[in-house]
C-alpha atoms as a PDB file:
ATOM      1  CA  MET A   1     -82.530 -74.762  57.993  1.00  0.00           C
ATOM      2  CA  PRO A   2     -85.762 -76.443  58.188  1.00  0.00           C
ATOM      3  CA  LYS A   3     -87.746 -77.840  55.369  1.00  0.00           C
ATOM      4  CA  MET A   4     -90.621 -75.196  53.924  1.00  0.00           C
ATOM      5  CA  LYS A   5     -94.365 -76.867  54.456  1.00  0.00           C
ATOM      6  CA  SER A   6     -96.367 -77.206  51.435  1.00  0.00           C
ATOM      7  CA  LYS A   7     -99.412 -75.265  50.767  1.00  0.00           C
ATOM      8  CA  GLY A   8    -103.153 -77.418  50.818  1.00  0.00           C
ATOM      9  CA  ALA A   9    -105.259 -74.508  49.169  1.00  0.00           C
ATOM     10  CA  VAL A  10    -102.471 -74.081  45.653  1.00  0.00           C
ATOM     11  CA  LYS A  11    -102.169 -78.585  46.218  1.00  0.00           C
ATOM     12  CA  LYS A  12    -106.034 -78.148  45.631  1.00  0.00           C
ATOM     13  CA  ARG A  13    -106.447 -76.221  43.303  1.00  0.00           C
ATOM     14  CA  PHE A  14    -102.950 -76.326  41.126  1.00  0.00           C
ATOM     15  CA  ARG A  15    -102.043 -79.705  39.225  1.00  0.00           C
ATOM     16  CA  VAL A  16     -98.110 -79.715  37.018  1.00  0.00           C
ATOM     17  CA  SER A  17     -98.278 -81.713  34.014  1.00  0.00           C
ATOM     18  CA  LYS A  18     -96.065 -84.025  32.408  1.00  0.00           C
ATOM     19  CA  ASN A  19     -93.697 -81.730  30.327  1.00  0.00           C
ATOM     20  CA  GLY A  20     -93.708 -79.572  34.253  1.00  0.00           C
ATOM     21  CA  LYS A  21     -96.292 -76.607  33.265  1.00  0.00           C
ATOM     22  CA  VAL A  22     -98.967 -76.155  36.093  1.00  0.00           C
ATOM     23  CA  ARG A  23    -102.481 -76.214  35.115  1.00  0.00           C
ATOM     24  CA  CYS A  24    -105.830 -75.342  36.968  1.00  0.00           C
ATOM     25  CA  SER A  25    -108.977 -74.970  35.879  1.00  0.00           C
ATOM     26  CA  ARG A  26    -111.131 -71.795  35.106  1.00  0.00           C
ATOM     27  CA  PRO A  27    -112.933 -69.406  36.912  1.00  0.00           C
ATOM     28  CA  ALA A  28    -117.064 -69.286  38.010  1.00  0.00           C
ATOM     29  CA  ARG A  29    -117.149 -73.430  36.981  1.00  0.00           C
ATOM     30  CA  GLY A  30    -119.000 -74.043  40.397  1.00  0.00           C
ATOM     31  CA  HIS A  31    -122.436 -72.714  40.357  1.00  0.00           C
ATOM     32  CA  MET A  32    -124.354 -70.247  38.354  1.00  0.00           C
ATOM     33  CA  HIS A  33    -124.771 -71.800  35.085  1.00  0.00           C
ATOM     34  CA  ALA A  34    -127.685 -70.052  34.334  1.00  0.00           C
ATOM     35  CA  ILE A  35    -126.044 -66.671  33.145  1.00  0.00           C
ATOM     36  CA  HIS A  36    -123.663 -68.499  30.503  1.00  0.00           C
ATOM     37  CA  ASN A  37    -124.649 -70.323  26.964  1.00  0.00           C
ATOM     38  CA  GLY A  38    -123.595 -73.457  26.331  1.00  0.00           C
ATOM     39  CA  ASP A  39    -120.472 -71.780  24.225  1.00  0.00           C
ATOM     40  CA  GLU A  40    -119.542 -70.399  27.619  1.00  0.00           C
ATOM     41  CA  ARG A  41    -120.168 -73.202  29.627  1.00  0.00           C
ATOM     42  CA  ARG A  42    -118.239 -75.463  27.222  1.00  0.00           C
ATOM     43  CA  GLY A  43    -115.535 -73.086  27.128  1.00  0.00           C
ATOM     44  CA  LEU A  44    -115.069 -72.996  31.039  1.00  0.00           C
ATOM     45  CA  ARG A  45    -114.047 -76.944  30.945  1.00  0.00           C
ATOM     46  CA  LYS A  46    -110.719 -76.429  29.804  1.00  0.00           C
ATOM     47  CA  ASP A  47    -107.746 -76.266  32.001  1.00  0.00           C
ATOM     48  CA  ILE A  48    -105.719 -72.838  32.302  1.00  0.00           C
ATOM     49  CA  ILE A  49    -101.812 -73.136  31.685  1.00  0.00           C
ATOM     50  CA  LEU A  50    -100.484 -70.913  34.167  1.00  0.00           C
ATOM     51  CA  PRO A  51     -97.738 -68.195  32.411  1.00  0.00           C
ATOM     52  CA  ARG A  52     -93.912 -69.514  33.213  1.00  0.00           C
ATOM     53  CA  ALA A  53     -93.448 -67.106  36.335  1.00  0.00           C
ATOM     54  CA  TRP A  54     -96.443 -67.712  38.387  1.00  0.00           C
ATOM     55  CA  GLY A  55     -95.937 -71.525  37.874  1.00  0.00           C
ATOM     56  CA  VAL A  56     -92.734 -71.390  39.435  1.00  0.00           C
ATOM     57  CA  ASN A  57     -94.055 -69.591  42.265  1.00  0.00           C
ATOM     58  CA  MET A  58     -96.833 -72.204  42.796  1.00  0.00           C
ATOM     59  CA  LYS A  59     -95.140 -75.328  41.938  1.00  0.00           C
ATOM     60  CA  ARG A  60     -92.658 -73.739  45.191  1.00  0.00           C
ATOM     61  CA  MET A  61     -95.562 -73.233  47.368  1.00  0.00           C
ATOM     62  CA  MET A  62     -97.067 -77.588  46.470  1.00  0.00           C
ATOM     63  CA  GLY A  63     -93.480 -78.890  47.481  1.00  0.00           C
ATOM     64  CA  ALA A  64     -92.906 -80.328  43.992  1.00  0.00           C
END
């Protein structure tokens, strides 16, 4: 059976932490900062840790 190909889009958007959790950046960070106040923008800097069930799928798609 051939190897499963990794998804390039998933590799760009998600990272695996040292503990094996899958992290990604929050949406709405790229542009339109004028509509967010400073507190909201500061909160957008933090990464999201995906739920475990999603993380399993993302790891499989990354090939990790």
